[in-house]
Amino acid sequence: MRLTSTIRKIHKRNPKLGKAVSLATATGVIAANSFGGSIPLWLMGVGKVITGAPIADKAVIKIATYWISSNSALIDDMLPRKDWRISLPDDVHINGKYLLVSNHQSWVDTSIVQYIGEKRLPLTRFFTKFELIYIPIVGQAFYFLDFPMMRRHSKEAIAKNPTLQGKDIEEAKRACALLKDKPFTLLNYLEGTRFTKAKHAKQQSPYTHLLKPRAGGLSLAINALGEDIDGILDMTIVYPDGVPTYGDLWKGNIKRLGVDVRYIEMPDSLFAGIQNGGYENDNAVKSQMFDWVEKIWREKDQRITDMLAEFETNPKAPNA
């Protein structure tokens, strides 16, 4: 870690140069790990698809975990001192099975999820479009790692071929089912898109810091994985100094960050109703789900206000 500690010293002596050097270093390390890991990932991934061997699946996950660990090491050892306040439940476990919901503001969010989850939570996966499979390295990695990949059919396509109605949901359920026999953290950004002031105004969102939540993705995951879930986690992310770009992360510009992760309880009757397919077929279950999600979102909105205020009223010296 001599190089990373040297870069941290450069940040202190010449911040402008430090930002350029750390961004270049991170870009090089991430690119090298991505391309260098692609060959063993492909070999193990193809072996997994052909044989279904658990050892191949574990190898694929190990490669992804190494990639995340390398990024986390850069954050810890290379970036300048920072005030990052991160809170997770004490009883989350690397071998657990969790659904994770979160607010969404930046491309950085997913990197933060991976960072805080390293050695604490199982590998994070999220819903992706099936079309991403054609993107070299990234698409195949998603596929081999059992990211739920969805084929979305347009209203026009369904009108031409009514048999496509509901197919996307069926396919997503099958994709989620691939996670049943392994630890997982399945991330769902309930807003469905990144928060911006323009989107907030267009939606006429009733929340101060959030867009309106969507319940479909979470309901689908509960329906497919309900019996195997150890808990539903709610993550709240705040950036007191403004929403960062992905480059800001590796330049060391994110001086202050707040992350709060906690369990949230869903009423047993609602959970059972969704498991039994009620979200798609029972308006009462769907209405109850919307009410529950909106309650969670109201609490999150207030939590964001409180977290931001805490940074102002209780400033801390950046940690090492």
C-alpha atoms as a PDB file:
ATOM      1  CA  MET A   1       0.000   0.000   0.000  1.00  0.00           C
ATOM      2  CA  ARG A   2       3.045   2.263  -0.281  1.00  0.00           C
ATOM      3  CA  LEU A   3       1.741   3.792  -3.519  1.00  0.00           C
ATOM      4  CA  THR A   4      -1.686   4.595  -2.085  1.00  0.00           C
ATOM      5  CA  SER A   5      -0.223   6.140   1.066  1.00  0.00           C
ATOM      6  CA  THR A   6       2.053   8.257  -1.122  1.00  0.00           C
ATOM      7  CA  ILE A   7      -0.956   9.456  -3.115  1.00  0.00           C
ATOM      8  CA  ARG A   8      -2.707  10.376   0.116  1.00  0.00           C
ATOM      9  CA  LYS A   9       0.301  12.498   1.063  1.00  0.00           C
ATOM     10  CA  ILE A  10       0.142  14.194  -2.342  1.00  0.00           C
ATOM     11  CA  HIS A  11      -3.517  15.033  -1.644  1.00  0.00           C
ATOM     12  CA  LYS A  12      -2.417  16.791   1.532  1.00  0.00           C
ATOM     13  CA  ARG A  13       0.455  18.741  -0.027  1.00  0.00           C
ATOM     14  CA  ASN A  14      -1.043  19.521  -3.426  1.00  0.00           C
ATOM     15  CA  PRO A  15      -4.802  18.817  -3.538  1.00  0.00           C
ATOM     16  CA  LYS A  16      -5.179  19.563  -7.248  1.00  0.00           C
ATOM     17  CA  LEU A  17      -2.389  17.171  -8.205  1.00  0.00           C
ATOM     18  CA  GLY A  18      -3.648  14.624  -5.680  1.00  0.00           C
ATOM     19  CA  LYS A  19      -7.060  14.551  -7.315  1.00  0.00           C
ATOM     20  CA  ALA A  20      -5.575  13.972 -10.755  1.00  0.00           C
ATOM     21  CA  VAL A  21      -3.230  11.245  -9.526  1.00  0.00           C
ATOM     22  CA  SER A  22      -5.869   9.384  -7.504  1.00  0.00           C
ATOM     23  CA  LEU A  23      -8.376   9.507 -10.378  1.00  0.00           C
ATOM     24  CA  ALA A  24      -5.767   8.178 -12.809  1.00  0.00           C
ATOM     25  CA  THR A  25      -4.680   5.470 -10.372  1.00  0.00           C
ATOM     26  CA  ALA A  26      -8.240   4.356  -9.661  1.00  0.00           C
ATOM     27  CA  THR A  27      -9.063   4.291 -13.367  1.00  0.00           C
ATOM     28  CA  GLY A  28      -5.993   2.168 -14.057  1.00  0.00           C
ATOM     29  CA  VAL A  29      -6.610  -0.265 -11.210  1.00  0.00           C
ATOM     30  CA  ILE A  30     -10.301  -0.704 -12.017  1.00  0.00           C
ATOM     31  CA  ALA A  31      -9.573  -1.190 -15.724  1.00  0.00           C
ATOM     32  CA  ALA A  32      -6.770  -3.665 -15.027  1.00  0.00           C
ATOM     33  CA  ASN A  33      -8.908  -5.671 -12.619  1.00  0.00           C
ATOM     34  CA  SER A  34     -11.854  -5.627 -15.020  1.00  0.00           C
ATOM     35  CA  PHE A  35      -9.902  -6.813 -18.039  1.00  0.00           C
ATOM     36  CA  GLY A  36      -7.578  -9.063 -16.057  1.00  0.00           C
ATOM     37  CA  GLY A  37     -10.477 -10.712 -14.286  1.00  0.00           C
ATOM     38  CA  SER A  38     -12.559 -11.132 -17.427  1.00  0.00           C
ATOM     39  CA  ILE A  39     -10.713 -14.253 -18.632  1.00  0.00           C
ATOM     40  CA  PRO A  40     -11.074 -16.304 -15.420  1.00  0.00           C
ATOM     41  CA  LEU A  41     -14.598 -14.922 -15.043  1.00  0.00           C
ATOM     42  CA  TRP A  42     -15.487 -16.162 -18.518  1.00  0.00           C
ATOM     43  CA  LEU A  43     -13.880 -19.569 -17.943  1.00  0.00           C
ATOM     44  CA  MET A  44     -15.587 -20.098 -14.598  1.00  0.00           C
ATOM     45  CA  GLY A  45     -18.839 -18.573 -15.829  1.00  0.00           C
ATOM     46  CA  VAL A  46     -19.062 -20.836 -18.867  1.00  0.00           C
ATOM     47  CA  GLY A  47     -18.177 -23.788 -16.672  1.00  0.00           C
ATOM     48  CA  LYS A  48     -20.954 -22.801 -14.291  1.00  0.00           C
ATOM     49  CA  VAL A  49     -23.518 -22.542 -17.105  1.00  0.00           C
ATOM     50  CA  ILE A  50     -22.519 -25.892 -18.648  1.00  0.00           C
ATOM     51  CA  THR A  51     -22.038 -27.962 -15.505  1.00  0.00           C
ATOM     52  CA  GLY A  52     -23.923 -26.086 -12.803  1.00  0.00           C
ATOM     53  CA  ALA A  53     -21.002 -26.929 -10.507  1.00  0.00           C
ATOM     54  CA  PRO A  54     -21.125 -25.036  -7.189  1.00  0.00           C
ATOM     55  CA  ILE A  55     -17.333 -24.647  -7.259  1.00  0.00           C
ATOM     56  CA  ALA A  56     -17.594 -22.669 -10.513  1.00  0.00           C
ATOM     57  CA  ASP A  57     -20.296 -20.452  -9.012  1.00  0.00           C
ATOM     58  CA  LYS A  58     -18.144 -19.804  -5.937  1.00  0.00           C
ATOM     59  CA  ALA A  59     -15.172 -18.960  -8.161  1.00  0.00           C
ATOM     60  CA  VAL A  60     -17.214 -16.397 -10.106  1.00  0.00           C
ATOM     61  CA  ILE A  61     -18.355 -14.765  -6.867  1.00  0.00           C
ATOM     62  CA  LYS A  62     -14.790 -14.776  -5.538  1.00  0.00           C
ATOM     63  CA  ILE A  63     -13.569 -12.916  -8.636  1.00  0.00           C
ATOM     64  CA  ALA A  64     -16.291 -10.282  -8.193  1.00  0.00           C
ATOM     65  CA  THR A  65     -15.503 -10.003  -4.484  1.00  0.00           C
ATOM     66  CA  TYR A  66     -11.827  -9.403  -5.252  1.00  0.00           C
ATOM     67  CA  TRP A  67     -12.797  -6.615  -7.667  1.00  0.00           C
ATOM     68  CA  ILE A  68     -14.898  -4.947  -4.966  1.00  0.00           C
ATOM     69  CA  SER A  69     -12.181  -5.420  -2.333  1.00  0.00           C
ATOM     70  CA  SER A  70      -9.630  -3.721  -4.581  1.00  0.00           C
ATOM     71  CA  ASN A  71     -11.919  -0.715  -4.984  1.00  0.00           C
ATOM     72  CA  SER A  72     -12.543  -0.585  -1.242  1.00  0.00           C
ATOM     73  CA  ALA A  73      -8.806  -0.645  -0.563  1.00  0.00           C
ATOM     74  CA  LEU A  74      -8.376   2.371  -2.833  1.00  0.00           C
ATOM     75  CA  ILE A  75     -11.069   4.245  -0.919  1.00  0.00           C
ATOM     76  CA  ASP A  76      -9.550   3.389   2.460  1.00  0.00           C
ATOM     77  CA  ASP A  77      -5.864   3.809   1.672  1.00  0.00           C
ATOM     78  CA  MET A  78      -5.606   6.317  -1.172  1.00  0.00           C
ATOM     79  CA  LEU A  79      -8.282   8.964  -0.764  1.00  0.00           C
ATOM     80  CA  PRO A  80      -7.740  11.914   1.592  1.00  0.00           C
ATOM     81  CA  ARG A  81      -9.145  12.130   5.083  1.00  0.00           C
ATOM     82  CA  LYS A  82     -12.904  12.200   5.180  1.00  0.00           C
ATOM     83  CA  ASP A  83     -15.933  12.307   7.468  1.00  0.00           C
ATOM     84  CA  TRP A  84     -17.958   9.269   6.435  1.00  0.00           C
ATOM     85  CA  ARG A  85     -20.631   8.265   8.931  1.00  0.00           C
ATOM     86  CA  ILE A  86     -21.831   4.730   8.258  1.00  0.00           C
ATOM     87  CA  SER A  87     -24.273   2.783  10.410  1.00  0.00           C
ATOM     88  CA  LEU A  88     -25.261  -0.861   9.857  1.00  0.00           C
ATOM     89  CA  PRO A  89     -27.144  -3.304  12.097  1.00  0.00           C
ATOM     90  CA  ASP A  90     -24.784  -5.442  14.164  1.00  0.00           C
ATOM     91  CA  ASP A  91     -26.442  -8.708  13.159  1.00  0.00           C
ATOM     92  CA  VAL A  92     -26.209  -8.514   9.366  1.00  0.00           C
ATOM     93  CA  HIS A  93     -24.093 -11.378   8.060  1.00  0.00           C
ATOM     94  CA  ILE A  94     -21.995 -12.125   5.010  1.00  0.00           C
ATOM     95  CA  ASN A  95     -23.972 -15.355   4.534  1.00  0.00           C
ATOM     96  CA  GLY A  96     -27.384 -13.751   4.921  1.00  0.00           C
ATOM     97  CA  LYS A  97     -30.134 -13.219   2.370  1.00  0.00           C
ATOM     98  CA  TYR A  98     -31.395  -9.648   2.210  1.00  0.00           C
ATOM     99  CA  LEU A  99     -33.537  -7.345   0.158  1.00  0.00           C
ATOM    100  CA  LEU A 100     -32.092  -3.827   0.257  1.00  0.00           C
ATOM    101  CA  VAL A 101     -34.046  -0.703  -0.675  1.00  0.00           C
ATOM    102  CA  SER A 102     -32.417   2.695  -1.026  1.00  0.00           C
ATOM    103  CA  ASN A 103     -32.804   6.248  -2.222  1.00  0.00           C
ATOM    104  CA  HIS A 104     -30.851   7.005  -5.397  1.00  0.00           C
ATOM    105  CA  GLN A 105     -29.000  10.206  -6.306  1.00  0.00           C
ATOM    106  CA  SER A 106     -25.759   9.327  -8.074  1.00  0.00           C
ATOM    107  CA  TRP A 107     -23.837   6.654  -9.969  1.00  0.00           C
ATOM    108  CA  VAL A 108     -21.699   6.633  -6.813  1.00  0.00           C
ATOM    109  CA  ASP A 109     -24.528   5.071  -4.795  1.00  0.00           C
ATOM    110  CA  THR A 110     -23.883   1.507  -5.963  1.00  0.00           C
ATOM    111  CA  SER A 111     -20.153   1.840  -5.265  1.00  0.00           C
ATOM    112  CA  ILE A 112     -21.014   2.986  -1.746  1.00  0.00           C
ATOM    113  CA  VAL A 113     -23.292  -0.036  -1.296  1.00  0.00           C
ATOM    114  CA  GLN A 114     -20.431  -2.308  -2.348  1.00  0.00           C
ATOM    115  CA  TYR A 115     -17.987  -0.484  -0.086  1.00  0.00           C
ATOM    116  CA  ILE A 116     -20.061  -0.671   3.079  1.00  0.00           C
ATOM    117  CA  GLY A 117     -21.154  -4.232   2.308  1.00  0.00           C
ATOM    118  CA  GLU A 118     -17.657  -5.645   1.872  1.00  0.00           C
ATOM    119  CA  LYS A 119     -17.118  -8.328   4.541  1.00  0.00           C
ATOM    120  CA  ARG A 120     -20.468  -7.361   6.103  1.00  0.00           C
ATOM    121  CA  LEU A 121     -23.120  -8.218   3.519  1.00  0.00           C
ATOM    122  CA  PRO A 122     -23.374 -10.787   0.722  1.00  0.00           C
ATOM    123  CA  LEU A 123     -22.507  -9.746  -2.828  1.00  0.00           C
ATOM    124  CA  THR A 124     -24.885  -7.011  -3.979  1.00  0.00           C
ATOM    125  CA  ARG A 125     -26.962  -7.657  -7.076  1.00  0.00           C
ATOM    126  CA  PHE A 126     -29.681  -5.575  -8.705  1.00  0.00           C
ATOM    127  CA  PHE A 127     -32.213  -5.793 -11.522  1.00  0.00           C
ATOM    128  CA  THR A 128     -30.719  -5.074 -14.941  1.00  0.00           C
ATOM    129  CA  LYS A 129     -31.983  -4.962 -18.505  1.00  0.00           C
ATOM    130  CA  PHE A 130     -31.377  -8.163 -20.450  1.00  0.00           C
ATOM    131  CA  GLU A 131     -29.914  -6.120 -23.299  1.00  0.00           C
ATOM    132  CA  LEU A 132     -26.870  -5.383 -21.115  1.00  0.00           C
ATOM    133  CA  ILE A 133     -25.706  -8.951 -21.669  1.00  0.00           C
ATOM    134  CA  TYR A 134     -24.330  -7.827 -25.030  1.00  0.00           C
ATOM    135  CA  ILE A 135     -21.946  -5.308 -23.421  1.00  0.00           C
ATOM    136  CA  PRO A 136     -18.477  -6.911 -23.287  1.00  0.00           C
ATOM    137  CA  ILE A 137     -17.284  -7.985 -19.827  1.00  0.00           C
ATOM    138  CA  VAL A 138     -19.949  -6.097 -17.840  1.00  0.00           C
ATOM    139  CA  GLY A 139     -22.952  -7.832 -19.384  1.00  0.00           C
ATOM    140  CA  GLN A 140     -21.481 -11.298 -19.082  1.00  0.00           C
ATOM    141  CA  ALA A 141     -20.394 -10.602 -15.500  1.00  0.00           C
ATOM    142  CA  PHE A 142     -23.984  -9.689 -14.596  1.00  0.00           C
ATOM    143  CA  TYR A 143     -25.196 -12.908 -16.221  1.00  0.00           C
ATOM    144  CA  PHE A 144     -22.637 -15.215 -14.598  1.00  0.00           C
ATOM    145  CA  LEU A 145     -23.233 -13.580 -11.198  1.00  0.00           C
ATOM    146  CA  ASP A 146     -26.992 -14.207 -11.434  1.00  0.00           C
ATOM    147  CA  PHE A 147     -28.086 -10.582 -11.552  1.00  0.00           C
ATOM    148  CA  PRO A 148     -31.842 -10.670 -12.285  1.00  0.00           C
ATOM    149  CA  MET A 149     -32.030  -9.640 -15.950  1.00  0.00           C
ATOM    150  CA  MET A 150     -35.379  -8.414 -17.241  1.00  0.00           C
ATOM    151  CA  ARG A 151     -36.770  -8.292 -20.757  1.00  0.00           C
ATOM    152  CA  ARG A 152     -39.228  -5.418 -20.892  1.00  0.00           C
ATOM    153  CA  HIS A 153     -41.925  -5.562 -23.548  1.00  0.00           C
ATOM    154  CA  SER A 154     -43.428  -2.316 -24.828  1.00  0.00           C
ATOM    155  CA  LYS A 155     -47.161  -1.708 -24.993  1.00  0.00           C
ATOM    156  CA  GLU A 156     -46.864  -1.799 -28.777  1.00  0.00           C
ATOM    157  CA  ALA A 157     -45.171  -5.206 -28.710  1.00  0.00           C
ATOM    158  CA  ILE A 158     -47.816  -6.587 -26.349  1.00  0.00           C
ATOM    159  CA  ALA A 159     -50.584  -5.211 -28.575  1.00  0.00           C
ATOM    160  CA  LYS A 160     -49.094  -7.079 -31.535  1.00  0.00           C
ATOM    161  CA  ASN A 161     -48.469 -10.231 -29.507  1.00  0.00           C
ATOM    162  CA  PRO A 162     -50.764 -10.494 -26.453  1.00  0.00           C
ATOM    163  CA  THR A 163     -48.924 -13.628 -25.265  1.00  0.00           C
ATOM    164  CA  LEU A 164     -46.135 -11.305 -24.118  1.00  0.00           C
ATOM    165  CA  GLN A 165     -48.429  -9.882 -21.413  1.00  0.00           C
ATOM    166  CA  GLY A 166     -46.858 -10.684 -18.047  1.00  0.00           C
ATOM    167  CA  LYS A 167     -43.857 -12.441 -19.581  1.00  0.00           C
ATOM    168  CA  ASP A 168     -41.419  -9.868 -18.171  1.00  0.00           C
ATOM    169  CA  ILE A 169     -42.672 -10.576 -14.648  1.00  0.00           C
ATOM    170  CA  GLU A 170     -42.408 -14.338 -15.139  1.00  0.00           C
ATOM    171  CA  GLU A 171     -38.860 -14.012 -16.455  1.00  0.00           C
ATOM    172  CA  ALA A 172     -37.847 -11.735 -13.589  1.00  0.00           C
ATOM    173  CA  LYS A 173     -39.210 -14.236 -11.073  1.00  0.00           C
ATOM    174  CA  ARG A 174     -37.206 -17.020 -12.700  1.00  0.00           C
ATOM    175  CA  ALA A 175     -34.116 -14.823 -12.572  1.00  0.00           C
ATOM    176  CA  CYS A 176     -34.640 -14.081  -8.878  1.00  0.00           C
ATOM    177  CA  ALA A 177     -35.087 -17.796  -8.215  1.00  0.00           C
ATOM    178  CA  LEU A 178     -31.435 -18.331  -9.215  1.00  0.00           C
ATOM    179  CA  LEU A 179     -30.475 -16.658  -5.928  1.00  0.00           C
ATOM    180  CA  LYS A 180     -32.473 -19.000  -3.717  1.00  0.00           C
ATOM    181  CA  ASP A 181     -29.631 -21.317  -2.733  1.00  0.00           C
ATOM    182  CA  LYS A 182     -26.925 -18.725  -2.056  1.00  0.00           C
ATOM    183  CA  PRO A 183     -26.313 -15.626   0.077  1.00  0.00           C
ATOM    184  CA  PHE A 184     -27.459 -12.428  -1.607  1.00  0.00           C
ATOM    185  CA  THR A 185     -28.159  -8.744  -1.187  1.00  0.00           C
ATOM    186  CA  LEU A 186     -30.704  -7.738  -3.823  1.00  0.00           C
ATOM    187  CA  LEU A 187     -30.678  -3.957  -4.208  1.00  0.00           C
ATOM    188  CA  ASN A 188     -33.746  -2.067  -5.350  1.00  0.00           C
ATOM    189  CA  TYR A 189     -33.794   1.692  -5.889  1.00  0.00           C
ATOM    190  CA  LEU A 190     -37.501   2.242  -5.290  1.00  0.00           C
ATOM    191  CA  GLU A 191     -37.545   5.607  -7.053  1.00  0.00           C
ATOM    192  CA  GLY A 192     -36.600   3.838 -10.286  1.00  0.00           C
ATOM    193  CA  THR A 193     -34.264   6.648 -11.337  1.00  0.00           C
ATOM    194  CA  ARG A 194     -31.755   9.075  -9.870  1.00  0.00           C
ATOM    195  CA  PHE A 195     -33.148  12.044  -7.955  1.00  0.00           C
ATOM    196  CA  THR A 196     -32.870  15.447  -9.614  1.00  0.00           C
ATOM    197  CA  LYS A 197     -34.648  18.690  -8.817  1.00  0.00           C
ATOM    198  CA  ALA A 198     -36.204  18.661 -12.282  1.00  0.00           C
ATOM    199  CA  LYS A 199     -37.658  15.175 -11.810  1.00  0.00           C
ATOM    200  CA  HIS A 200     -38.818  16.129  -8.324  1.00  0.00           C
ATOM    201  CA  ALA A 201     -40.688  19.146  -9.676  1.00  0.00           C
ATOM    202  CA  LYS A 202     -42.145  17.247 -12.626  1.00  0.00           C
ATOM    203  CA  GLN A 203     -43.489  14.536 -10.328  1.00  0.00           C
ATOM    204  CA  GLN A 204     -44.790  17.073  -7.816  1.00  0.00           C
ATOM    205  CA  SER A 205     -43.286  14.725  -5.258  1.00  0.00           C
ATOM    206  CA  PRO A 206     -44.760  15.071  -1.770  1.00  0.00           C
ATOM    207  CA  TYR A 207     -41.311  14.422  -0.280  1.00  0.00           C
ATOM    208  CA  THR A 208     -38.580  16.971   0.321  1.00  0.00           C
ATOM    209  CA  HIS A 209     -35.583  14.846  -0.631  1.00  0.00           C
ATOM    210  CA  LEU A 210     -37.096  11.948  -2.564  1.00  0.00           C
ATOM    211  CA  LEU A 211     -38.975  11.033  -5.702  1.00  0.00           C
ATOM    212  CA  LYS A 212     -42.134   8.977  -5.468  1.00  0.00           C
ATOM    213  CA  PRO A 213     -41.368   5.315  -4.735  1.00  0.00           C
ATOM    214  CA  ARG A 214     -42.399   2.373  -6.880  1.00  0.00           C
ATOM    215  CA  ALA A 215     -43.442  -0.900  -5.314  1.00  0.00           C
ATOM    216  CA  GLY A 216     -43.369  -3.330  -8.244  1.00  0.00           C
ATOM    217  CA  GLY A 217     -39.726  -4.407  -8.126  1.00  0.00           C
ATOM    218  CA  LEU A 218     -39.704  -5.056  -4.390  1.00  0.00           C
ATOM    219  CA  SER A 219     -43.004  -6.941  -4.608  1.00  0.00           C
ATOM    220  CA  LEU A 220     -41.613  -9.099  -7.391  1.00  0.00           C
ATOM    221  CA  ALA A 221     -38.529  -9.953  -5.332  1.00  0.00           C
ATOM    222  CA  ILE A 222     -40.635 -10.847  -2.292  1.00  0.00           C
ATOM    223  CA  ASN A 223     -42.865 -13.041  -4.438  1.00  0.00           C
ATOM    224  CA  ALA A 224     -39.864 -14.898  -5.866  1.00  0.00           C
ATOM    225  CA  LEU A 225     -37.660 -15.076  -2.775  1.00  0.00           C
ATOM    226  CA  GLY A 226     -39.952 -14.524   0.207  1.00  0.00           C
ATOM    227  CA  GLU A 227     -39.306 -17.770   2.045  1.00  0.00           C
ATOM    228  CA  ASP A 228     -35.550 -17.320   1.726  1.00  0.00           C
ATOM    229  CA  ILE A 229     -35.279 -13.705   2.926  1.00  0.00           C
ATOM    230  CA  ASP A 230     -33.555 -13.059   6.258  1.00  0.00           C
ATOM    231  CA  GLY A 231     -34.678  -9.449   6.308  1.00  0.00           C
ATOM    232  CA  ILE A 232     -35.524  -6.287   4.398  1.00  0.00           C
ATOM    233  CA  LEU A 233     -32.942  -3.538   4.829  1.00  0.00           C
ATOM    234  CA  ASP A 234     -33.502   0.160   4.208  1.00  0.00           C
ATOM    235  CA  MET A 235     -30.438   2.206   3.263  1.00  0.00           C
ATOM    236  CA  THR A 236     -30.446   6.002   3.344  1.00  0.00           C
ATOM    237  CA  ILE A 237     -27.564   7.845   1.655  1.00  0.00           C
ATOM    238  CA  VAL A 238     -26.836  11.555   2.055  1.00  0.00           C
ATOM    239  CA  TYR A 239     -24.147  13.729   0.476  1.00  0.00           C
ATOM    240  CA  PRO A 240     -24.018  16.906   2.606  1.00  0.00           C
ATOM    241  CA  ASP A 241     -21.767  18.724   0.126  1.00  0.00           C
ATOM    242  CA  GLY A 242     -23.890  17.999  -2.935  1.00  0.00           C
ATOM    243  CA  VAL A 243     -24.531  15.037  -5.198  1.00  0.00           C
ATOM    244  CA  PRO A 244     -21.195  13.754  -6.548  1.00  0.00           C
ATOM    245  CA  THR A 245     -20.245  12.364  -9.921  1.00  0.00           C
ATOM    246  CA  TYR A 246     -18.458   9.034 -10.208  1.00  0.00           C
ATOM    247  CA  GLY A 247     -15.239  10.920 -10.881  1.00  0.00           C
ATOM    248  CA  ASP A 248     -15.702  12.873  -7.650  1.00  0.00           C
ATOM    249  CA  LEU A 249     -15.448   9.625  -5.703  1.00  0.00           C
ATOM    250  CA  TRP A 250     -12.003   8.802  -7.065  1.00  0.00           C
ATOM    251  CA  LYS A 251     -10.751  12.376  -6.906  1.00  0.00           C
ATOM    252  CA  GLY A 252     -11.433  12.352  -3.175  1.00  0.00           C
ATOM    253  CA  ASN A 253     -14.079  15.055  -3.446  1.00  0.00           C
ATOM    254  CA  ILE A 254     -16.616  13.280  -1.230  1.00  0.00           C
ATOM    255  CA  LYS A 255     -15.442  14.683   2.083  1.00  0.00           C
ATOM    256  CA  ARG A 256     -18.700  14.025   3.915  1.00  0.00           C
ATOM    257  CA  LEU A 257     -21.035  11.066   3.497  1.00  0.00           C
ATOM    258  CA  GLY A 258     -23.823   9.652   5.611  1.00  0.00           C
ATOM    259  CA  VAL A 259     -25.177   6.114   5.280  1.00  0.00           C
ATOM    260  CA  ASP A 260     -27.824   4.634   7.553  1.00  0.00           C
ATOM    261  CA  VAL A 261     -28.851   0.988   7.120  1.00  0.00           C
ATOM    262  CA  ARG A 262     -31.601  -0.492   9.252  1.00  0.00           C
ATOM    263  CA  TYR A 263     -34.117  -3.319   9.191  1.00  0.00           C
ATOM    264  CA  ILE A 264     -37.678  -2.494   8.222  1.00  0.00           C
ATOM    265  CA  GLU A 265     -40.624  -4.654   9.164  1.00  0.00           C
ATOM    266  CA  MET A 266     -43.399  -5.546   6.745  1.00  0.00           C
ATOM    267  CA  PRO A 267     -46.762  -6.667   8.167  1.00  0.00           C
ATOM    268  CA  ASP A 268     -47.064 -10.461   8.017  1.00  0.00           C
ATOM    269  CA  SER A 269     -50.391 -10.256   6.201  1.00  0.00           C
ATOM    270  CA  LEU A 270     -48.894  -8.072   3.467  1.00  0.00           C
ATOM    271  CA  PHE A 271     -45.806 -10.260   3.120  1.00  0.00           C
ATOM    272  CA  ALA A 272     -47.964 -13.372   2.793  1.00  0.00           C
ATOM    273  CA  GLY A 273     -50.276 -11.667   0.312  1.00  0.00           C
ATOM    274  CA  ILE A 274     -47.362 -10.683  -1.935  1.00  0.00           C
ATOM    275  CA  GLN A 275     -45.836 -14.154  -1.675  1.00  0.00           C
ATOM    276  CA  ASN A 276     -49.105 -15.596  -2.916  1.00  0.00           C
ATOM    277  CA  GLY A 277     -49.096 -13.351  -5.981  1.00  0.00           C
ATOM    278  CA  GLY A 278     -51.532 -10.810  -4.616  1.00  0.00           C
ATOM    279  CA  TYR A 279     -49.630  -7.735  -5.792  1.00  0.00           C
ATOM    280  CA  GLU A 280     -50.426  -8.513  -9.425  1.00  0.00           C
ATOM    281  CA  ASN A 281     -53.882  -9.947  -8.849  1.00  0.00           C
ATOM    282  CA  ASP A 282     -55.396  -8.372  -5.740  1.00  0.00           C
ATOM    283  CA  ASN A 283     -56.056  -4.627  -5.590  1.00  0.00           C
ATOM    284  CA  ALA A 284     -56.303  -4.744  -1.802  1.00  0.00           C
ATOM    285  CA  VAL A 285     -52.797  -6.209  -1.513  1.00  0.00           C
ATOM    286  CA  LYS A 286     -51.451  -3.674  -4.018  1.00  0.00           C
ATOM    287  CA  SER A 287     -53.058  -0.798  -2.100  1.00  0.00           C
ATOM    288  CA  GLN A 288     -51.647  -2.074   1.193  1.00  0.00           C
ATOM    289  CA  MET A 289     -48.199  -2.355  -0.392  1.00  0.00           C
ATOM    290  CA  PHE A 290     -48.345   1.229  -1.675  1.00  0.00           C
ATOM    291  CA  ASP A 291     -49.403   2.457   1.775  1.00  0.00           C
ATOM    292  CA  TRP A 292     -46.513   0.591   3.412  1.00  0.00           C
ATOM    293  CA  VAL A 293     -43.922   1.869   0.927  1.00  0.00           C
ATOM    294  CA  GLU A 294     -45.167   5.441   1.309  1.00  0.00           C
ATOM    295  CA  LYS A 295     -44.845   5.135   5.098  1.00  0.00           C
ATOM    296  CA  ILE A 296     -41.253   3.925   4.704  1.00  0.00           C
ATOM    297  CA  TRP A 297     -40.570   6.829   2.344  1.00  0.00           C
ATOM    298  CA  ARG A 298     -42.014   9.447   4.702  1.00  0.00           C
ATOM    299  CA  GLU A 299     -39.764   8.141   7.464  1.00  0.00           C
ATOM    300  CA  LYS A 300     -36.771   8.133   5.119  1.00  0.00           C
ATOM    301  CA  ASP A 301     -37.468  11.706   4.033  1.00  0.00           C
ATOM    302  CA  GLN A 302     -37.374  12.845   7.652  1.00  0.00           C
ATOM    303  CA  ARG A 303     -34.264  10.745   8.279  1.00  0.00           C
ATOM    304  CA  ILE A 304     -32.458  12.517   5.437  1.00  0.00           C
ATOM    305  CA  THR A 305     -33.355  15.879   6.975  1.00  0.00           C
ATOM    306  CA  ASP A 306     -32.048  14.703  10.351  1.00  0.00           C
ATOM    307  CA  MET A 307     -28.832  13.226   8.918  1.00  0.00           C
ATOM    308  CA  LEU A 308     -28.015  16.403   7.012  1.00  0.00           C
ATOM    309  CA  ALA A 309     -28.701  18.511  10.099  1.00  0.00           C
ATOM    310  CA  GLU A 310     -26.430  16.278  12.185  1.00  0.00           C
ATOM    311  CA  PHE A 311     -23.480  17.056   9.924  1.00  0.00           C
ATOM    312  CA  GLU A 312     -24.011  20.779  10.507  1.00  0.00           C
ATOM    313  CA  THR A 313     -24.679  20.681  14.241  1.00  0.00           C
ATOM    314  CA  ASN A 314     -22.076  18.038  15.062  1.00  0.00           C
ATOM    315  CA  PRO A 315     -19.117  18.483  12.703  1.00  0.00           C
ATOM    316  CA  LYS A 316     -16.300  15.990  13.160  1.00  0.00           C
ATOM    317  CA  ALA A 317     -12.653  16.058  12.254  1.00  0.00           C
ATOM    318  CA  PRO A 318     -12.122  13.836   9.194  1.00  0.00           C
ATOM    319  CA  ASN A 319     -10.842  10.376  10.059  1.00  0.00           C
ATOM    320  CA  ALA A 320      -7.576   8.969   8.820  1.00  0.00           C
END
